[in-house]
Protein backbone atom coordinates (compact mmCIF):
# COMPACT_ATOMS: atom_id res chain seq x y z
CA UNK A 1 43.82 -0.68 -36.18
CA UNK A 2 42.38 -1.29 -32.69
CA UNK A 3 39.31 -3.50 -32.36
CA UNK A 4 36.52 -1.85 -30.40
CA UNK A 5 35.19 -3.96 -27.56
CA UNK A 6 31.41 -4.29 -27.42
CA UNK A 7 29.78 -1.99 -24.91
CA UNK A 8 28.72 -3.91 -21.75
CA UNK A 9 24.99 -4.27 -21.24
CA UNK A 10 22.82 -4.36 -18.13
CA UNK A 11 22.71 -8.14 -18.53
CA UNK A 12 26.54 -8.28 -18.51
CA UNK A 13 26.63 -6.24 -15.30
CA UNK A 14 23.96 -8.46 -13.69
CA UNK A 15 25.88 -11.67 -14.51
CA UNK A 16 29.21 -10.27 -13.29
CA UNK A 17 27.70 -8.96 -10.06
CA UNK A 18 25.58 -12.07 -9.43
CA UNK A 19 22.30 -10.16 -9.28
CA UNK A 20 19.19 -9.82 -11.43
CA UNK A 21 18.75 -7.28 -14.23
CA UNK A 22 16.02 -5.70 -12.13
CA UNK A 23 18.51 -5.08 -9.31
CA UNK A 24 20.95 -3.41 -11.73
CA UNK A 25 18.09 -1.27 -13.03
CA UNK A 26 17.17 -0.22 -9.49
CA UNK A 27 20.79 0.74 -8.76
CA UNK A 28 20.91 2.83 -11.93
CA UNK A 29 17.73 4.61 -10.94
CA UNK A 30 18.92 5.30 -7.38
CA UNK A 31 16.24 3.16 -5.74
CA UNK A 32 16.56 3.15 -1.96
CA UNK A 33 15.40 -0.45 -1.43
CA UNK A 34 18.64 -2.01 -2.74
CA UNK A 35 20.85 -3.19 0.12
CA UNK A 36 23.98 -1.08 0.59
CA UNK A 37 26.32 -4.03 0.03
CA UNK A 38 24.54 -5.05 -3.17
CA UNK A 39 24.55 -1.48 -4.45
CA UNK A 40 28.29 -1.16 -3.83
CA UNK A 41 29.01 -4.47 -5.59
CA UNK A 42 26.97 -3.50 -8.65
CA UNK A 43 28.61 -0.06 -8.81
CA UNK A 44 32.06 -1.63 -8.50
CA UNK A 45 31.33 -4.01 -11.40
CA UNK A 46 30.02 -1.13 -13.52
CA UNK A 47 33.19 0.85 -12.89
CA UNK A 48 35.47 -2.12 -13.56
CA UNK A 49 33.70 -2.98 -16.83
CA UNK A 50 33.52 0.63 -17.96
CA UNK A 51 29.73 0.69 -18.04
CA UNK A 52 27.97 4.03 -18.40
CA UNK A 53 24.20 4.11 -18.93
CA UNK A 54 22.94 5.73 -22.09
CA UNK A 55 20.70 8.59 -20.90
CA UNK A 56 18.40 8.11 -23.86
CA UNK A 57 18.21 4.34 -23.47
CA UNK A 58 17.18 4.65 -19.81
CA UNK A 59 13.89 6.23 -20.90
CA UNK A 60 13.10 4.14 -23.97
CA UNK A 61 10.55 2.07 -22.07
CA UNK A 62 8.32 5.15 -21.75
CA UNK A 63 7.61 7.26 -24.82
CA UNK A 64 5.68 10.48 -25.13
CA UNK A 65 2.05 9.85 -26.02
CA UNK A 66 1.83 6.49 -24.26
CA UNK A 67 -0.91 5.87 -21.70
CA UNK A 68 -0.85 4.42 -18.22
CA UNK A 69 -4.15 3.10 -16.92
CA UNK A 70 -5.00 3.38 -13.23
CA UNK A 71 -7.47 0.52 -12.89
CA UNK A 72 -9.80 0.71 -9.90
CA UNK A 73 -12.31 -1.92 -8.91
CA UNK A 74 -15.87 -1.23 -10.06
CA UNK A 75 -17.04 0.02 -6.67
CA UNK A 76 -13.94 2.05 -5.72
CA UNK A 77 -14.64 5.81 -5.44
CA UNK A 78 -12.26 7.70 -7.74
CA UNK A 79 -12.24 10.65 -5.31
CA UNK A 80 -11.22 8.56 -2.32
CA UNK A 81 -8.47 10.59 -0.55
CA UNK A 82 -5.91 7.80 -0.95
CA UNK A 83 -6.46 7.52 -4.69
CA UNK A 84 -6.30 11.31 -5.10
CA UNK A 85 -2.92 11.42 -3.33
CA UNK A 86 -1.65 8.39 -5.23
CA UNK A 87 -2.66 9.86 -8.58
CA UNK A 88 -1.02 13.18 -7.74
CA UNK A 89 2.19 11.33 -6.88
CA UNK A 90 2.06 9.43 -10.18
CA UNK A 91 1.37 12.55 -12.24
CA UNK A 92 4.37 14.32 -10.75
CA UNK A 93 6.43 11.78 -12.75
CA UNK A 94 4.28 10.88 -15.75
CA UNK A 95 3.58 14.51 -16.73
CA UNK A 96 7.31 15.15 -17.12
CA UNK A 97 7.62 12.11 -19.39
CA UNK A 98 4.65 13.04 -21.58
CA UNK A 99 2.75 9.92 -20.46
CA UNK A 100 -1.02 10.28 -20.07
CA UNK A 101 -2.53 8.86 -16.89
CA UNK A 102 -6.01 7.42 -17.48
CA UNK A 103 -8.42 6.54 -14.67
CA UNK A 104 -10.33 3.30 -15.35
CA UNK A 105 -13.24 1.92 -13.37
CA UNK A 106 -15.01 -0.32 -15.85
CA UNK A 107 -14.23 -3.96 -16.52
CA UNK A 108 -10.94 -3.82 -18.41
CA UNK A 109 -12.08 -6.46 -20.92
CA UNK A 110 -14.83 -4.08 -22.09
CA UNK A 111 -12.45 -1.26 -23.01
CA UNK A 112 -12.32 -0.43 -26.75
CA UNK A 113 -8.59 0.36 -26.49
CA UNK A 114 -6.17 -0.91 -23.86
CA UNK A 115 -3.57 1.44 -22.34
CA UNK A 116 0.15 0.95 -22.94
CA UNK A 117 0.47 -0.34 -19.37
CA UNK A 118 -1.79 -0.65 -16.33
CA UNK A 119 -1.56 -0.19 -12.58
CA UNK A 120 -4.12 -2.48 -10.95
CA UNK A 121 -5.62 -1.20 -7.70
CA UNK A 122 -7.53 -2.97 -4.92
CA UNK A 123 -6.56 -6.58 -5.58
CA UNK A 124 -8.74 -9.39 -4.31
CA UNK A 125 -7.06 -11.94 -2.10
CA UNK A 126 -8.17 -14.82 -4.30
CA UNK A 127 -8.61 -14.87 -8.08
CA UNK A 128 -8.68 -11.45 -9.76
CA UNK A 129 -10.07 -11.58 -13.32
CA UNK A 130 -8.43 -8.28 -14.22
CA UNK A 131 -4.93 -9.65 -13.71
CA UNK A 132 -5.63 -12.77 -15.75
CA UNK A 133 -7.10 -10.74 -18.62
CA UNK A 134 -4.20 -8.29 -18.75
CA UNK A 135 -1.68 -11.13 -18.78
CA UNK A 136 -3.49 -12.87 -21.65
CA UNK A 137 -3.73 -9.56 -23.53
CA UNK A 138 0.01 -8.97 -23.14
CA UNK A 139 -0.44 -5.59 -21.40
CA UNK A 140 2.45 -4.79 -19.01
CA UNK A 141 0.83 -4.55 -15.59
CA UNK A 142 1.84 -3.71 -12.04
CA UNK A 143 -0.32 -4.61 -9.07
CA UNK A 144 -0.72 -2.27 -6.12
CA UNK A 145 -0.82 -5.23 -3.80
CA UNK A 146 1.19 -8.44 -3.96
CA UNK A 147 1.12 -11.51 -6.19
CA UNK A 148 3.90 -14.04 -6.88
CA UNK A 149 3.36 -14.05 -10.66
CA UNK A 150 3.19 -10.29 -11.34
CA UNK A 151 5.11 -7.10 -10.84
CA UNK A 152 3.79 -5.59 -7.62
CA UNK A 153 4.34 -2.98 -4.94
CA UNK A 154 2.49 -2.61 -1.65
CA UNK A 155 2.77 -0.94 1.73
CA UNK A 156 3.69 -3.49 4.35
CA UNK A 157 0.06 -3.84 5.47
CA UNK A 158 0.58 -6.84 7.72
CA UNK A 159 3.41 -5.14 9.58
CA UNK A 160 1.22 -2.04 9.88
CA UNK A 161 -1.46 -4.10 11.61
CA UNK A 162 1.16 -5.49 13.96
CA UNK A 163 2.41 -1.96 14.75
CA UNK A 164 -1.14 -0.89 15.63
CA UNK A 165 -1.60 -3.89 17.92
CA UNK A 166 1.72 -3.33 19.69
CA UNK A 167 0.90 0.34 20.24
CA UNK A 168 -2.44 -0.49 21.85
CA UNK A 169 -0.94 -3.35 23.86
CA UNK A 170 1.80 -1.07 25.21
CA UNK A 171 -0.96 1.27 26.43
CA UNK A 172 -2.40 -1.63 28.43
CA UNK A 173 -5.33 -2.54 26.17
CA UNK A 174 -6.36 -6.20 26.16
CA UNK A 175 -9.89 -6.00 24.70
CA UNK A 176 -9.29 -5.15 21.06
CA UNK A 177 -11.29 -4.89 17.84
CA UNK A 178 -10.30 -4.79 14.16
CA UNK A 179 -12.56 -2.66 11.97
CA UNK A 180 -12.44 -3.68 8.31
CA UNK A 181 -12.95 -7.41 7.91
CA UNK A 182 -13.45 -7.99 4.18
CA UNK A 183 -12.37 -9.76 0.99
CA UNK A 184 -9.71 -7.33 -0.22
CA UNK A 185 -6.07 -8.21 0.13
CA UNK A 186 -5.43 -4.96 2.01
CA UNK A 187 -8.16 -5.66 4.56
CA UNK A 188 -7.00 -9.22 5.15
CA UNK A 189 -3.31 -8.35 5.44
CA UNK A 190 -3.99 -5.60 7.98
CA UNK A 191 -6.32 -7.87 9.94
CA UNK A 192 -3.79 -10.70 9.93
CA UNK A 193 -1.04 -8.50 11.34
CA UNK A 194 -3.27 -6.96 14.00
CA UNK A 195 -5.12 -10.07 15.16
CA UNK A 196 -2.04 -12.30 15.12
CA UNK A 197 0.01 -9.88 17.20
CA UNK A 198 -2.84 -9.23 19.65
CA UNK A 199 -3.55 -12.92 20.20
CA UNK A 200 0.14 -13.65 20.50
CA UNK A 201 0.21 -11.27 23.47
CA UNK A 202 -2.81 -12.94 25.07
CA UNK A 203 -5.29 -10.16 24.24
CA UNK A 204 -8.94 -10.72 23.35
CA UNK A 205 -9.61 -9.55 19.81
CA UNK A 206 -12.56 -9.53 17.42
CA UNK A 207 -13.25 -8.26 13.90
CA UNK A 208 -16.04 -6.13 12.42
CA UNK A 209 -16.91 -6.15 8.69
CA UNK A 210 -16.62 -2.69 7.13
CA UNK A 211 -15.48 -0.88 4.02
CA UNK A 212 -12.86 1.89 3.96
CA UNK A 213 -15.30 4.84 4.19
CA UNK A 214 -16.33 7.16 7.02
CA UNK A 215 -19.96 6.04 6.73
CA UNK A 216 -19.00 2.37 6.68
CA UNK A 217 -16.90 2.74 9.82
CA UNK A 218 -19.64 4.69 11.59
CA UNK A 219 -22.35 2.15 10.83
CA UNK A 220 -20.25 -0.88 11.73
CA UNK A 221 -19.08 0.43 15.09
CA UNK A 222 -22.41 1.93 16.12
CA UNK A 223 -24.28 -1.28 15.27
CA UNK A 224 -21.75 -3.47 17.08
CA UNK A 225 -21.74 -1.30 20.22
CA UNK A 226 -25.52 -1.13 20.36
CA UNK A 227 -25.61 -4.93 20.09
CA UNK A 228 -23.35 -5.26 23.12
CA UNK A 229 -19.81 -5.50 21.73
CA UNK A 230 -17.23 -3.97 24.08
CA UNK A 231 -13.57 -3.15 23.53
CA UNK A 232 -11.08 -0.56 24.78
CA UNK A 233 -8.83 -0.46 21.72
CA UNK A 234 -9.81 -0.38 18.04
CA UNK A 235 -7.69 -0.55 14.88
CA UNK A 236 -9.42 0.62 11.69
CA UNK A 237 -8.21 -0.44 8.26
CA UNK A 238 -8.23 3.20 7.06
CA UNK A 239 -8.11 6.70 8.48
CA UNK A 240 -11.55 7.34 7.04
CA UNK A 241 -13.17 4.36 8.75
CA UNK A 242 -11.35 5.33 11.96
CA UNK A 243 -12.97 8.76 11.67
CA UNK A 244 -16.39 7.16 11.30
CA UNK A 245 -15.73 4.88 14.28
CA UNK A 246 -14.78 7.83 16.49
CA UNK A 247 -17.94 9.70 15.46
CA UNK A 248 -20.10 6.66 16.28
CA UNK A 249 -18.51 6.19 19.69
CA UNK A 250 -18.87 9.86 20.58
CA UNK A 251 -22.53 9.85 19.50
CA UNK A 252 -23.03 6.94 21.89
CA UNK A 253 -21.43 8.85 24.75
CA UNK A 254 -18.19 6.85 24.63
CA UNK A 255 -15.08 9.00 25.05
CA UNK A 256 -12.13 8.72 22.65
CA UNK A 257 -9.53 8.08 23.91
CA UNK A 258 -10.82 8.09 27.52
CA UNK A 259 -12.96 4.98 27.09
CA UNK A 260 -11.82 3.59 23.72
CA UNK A 261 -8.50 4.23 21.95
CA UNK A 262 -8.46 4.25 18.14
CA UNK A 263 -5.70 3.73 15.55
CA UNK A 264 -6.15 4.31 11.80
CA UNK A 265 -4.13 3.41 8.72
CA UNK A 266 -2.92 5.56 5.79
CA UNK A 267 -1.52 8.75 7.29
CA UNK A 268 -3.88 11.02 5.33
CA UNK A 269 -2.91 14.70 5.72
CA UNK A 270 -6.50 15.72 6.46
CA UNK A 271 -9.29 13.91 8.30
CA UNK A 272 -12.45 15.53 9.72
CA UNK A 273 -11.48 15.22 13.40
CA UNK A 274 -10.88 17.83 16.06
CA UNK A 275 -8.05 15.74 17.54
CA UNK A 276 -4.99 14.28 15.84
CA UNK A 277 -5.47 10.66 14.81
CA UNK A 278 -2.97 8.00 15.81
CA UNK A 279 -2.29 6.21 12.54
CA UNK A 280 -0.06 3.84 10.60
CA UNK A 281 1.50 5.92 7.83
CA UNK A 282 2.27 4.60 4.37
CA UNK A 283 4.69 6.33 1.98
CA UNK A 284 2.39 7.09 -0.96
CA UNK A 285 5.00 8.97 -3.06
CA UNK A 286 7.47 6.08 -2.73
CA UNK A 287 4.79 3.54 -3.65
CA UNK A 288 3.97 5.60 -6.75
CA UNK A 289 7.59 6.02 -7.88
CA UNK A 290 8.29 2.32 -7.27
CA UNK A 291 5.19 1.39 -9.28
CA UNK A 292 6.43 3.47 -12.23
CA UNK A 293 9.88 1.88 -12.03
CA UNK A 294 8.24 -1.54 -12.11
CA UNK A 295 6.10 -0.51 -15.10
CA UNK A 296 9.31 0.39 -16.96
CA UNK A 297 10.76 -3.00 -16.11
CA UNK A 298 7.58 -4.76 -17.21
CA UNK A 299 7.62 -2.92 -20.56
CA UNK A 300 11.30 -3.82 -20.96
CA UNK A 301 10.51 -7.53 -20.54
CA UNK A 302 12.30 -8.09 -17.23
CA UNK A 303 11.20 -10.84 -14.88
CA UNK A 304 8.40 -9.98 -12.42
CA UNK A 305 9.36 -8.88 -8.94
CA UNK A 306 7.75 -7.03 -6.05
CA UNK A 307 8.55 -4.73 -3.18
CA UNK A 308 6.98 -4.11 0.21
CA UNK A 309 7.30 -0.45 1.20
CA UNK A 310 7.88 0.10 4.94
CA UNK A 311 5.23 1.78 7.09
CA UNK A 312 5.50 3.50 10.46
CA UNK A 313 3.14 4.49 13.25
CA UNK A 314 2.66 8.16 14.10
CA UNK A 315 1.25 8.70 17.61
CA UNK A 316 -1.64 11.13 17.93
CA UNK A 317 -4.27 12.03 20.50
CA UNK A 318 -6.64 9.08 19.99
CA UNK A 319 -4.74 6.52 22.10
CA UNK A 320 -4.33 6.69 25.89
CA UNK A 321 -3.61 4.15 28.65
CA UNK A 322 -6.50 1.81 29.30
CA UNK A 323 -9.00 2.88 31.97
CA UNK A 324 -8.79 0.99 35.26
CA UNK A 325 -12.39 -0.25 35.13
CA UNK A 326 -13.46 -1.94 31.86
CA UNK A 327 -16.58 -0.74 30.11
CA UNK A 328 -19.71 -2.77 30.78
CA UNK A 329 -22.78 -3.29 28.65
CA UNK A 330 -24.91 -1.22 30.99
CA UNK A 331 -22.89 1.97 30.57
CA UNK A 332 -24.26 2.85 27.16
């Protein structure tokens, strides 16, 4: 009688390949962020050890009837275009699995029943009470942002800010402004990338406080310009605030891009402009699918990890070479 060898596990594959269980899981799920050499090594070990994933076991972490909370900050608008697109991307996966997606905007500690798992939106750069509560409550959580102690996924916001700065610098702009100074991690990462790159190239750069909305961008730019601020290139932390900034400048008689060039961030498919916005584009569907993969890993008890999702700049009609004569305070 032949003894049956025990079936190799994901942990066995991880040890033999010299990688983490999370990396093996990402290879099994076809995730594109695994380096080609690592993927090949893991696949070679799987073949050598005779490993074949159990189709049923791969989906045990999610069961029909479970709930996934999408936790916004108290002041975040649930119909913000980014959140609408992100939720649609999530639902394209969760609906097939029979998992209910629940939008949450109240303090999570006041909820009568906690979801099976939670995606935490709009992290604060410093202490975030929501994360601490969910960890104490034992609820598997994934942050849309970055944090060394949690599962997380985020667009590469800092690199996006640097891309915006380089694009404006290449067009000859040396008087720059960042629109979106604030306390959120997103705002600070984008500002850091933009300001650091601009100053590294010897450009003059300032920052204006603003939220992510059209109205916030309009008010901030109009107020600053009326108070004497001058710049030829502006990077807004969102496409919506960029739209507001352009409206404010045009109302003041400032031409975009003739007098001031503007770059946004998000890559929203629709913005209320009559010209195409130059913007840093984030891959919302990939962020959503990565977040769900991380939720599965969190439910399965794997060690926390995070991923930055690459961004790219799409040129539009709101950036042009800098004018020969800089704008002066008396022109407006």
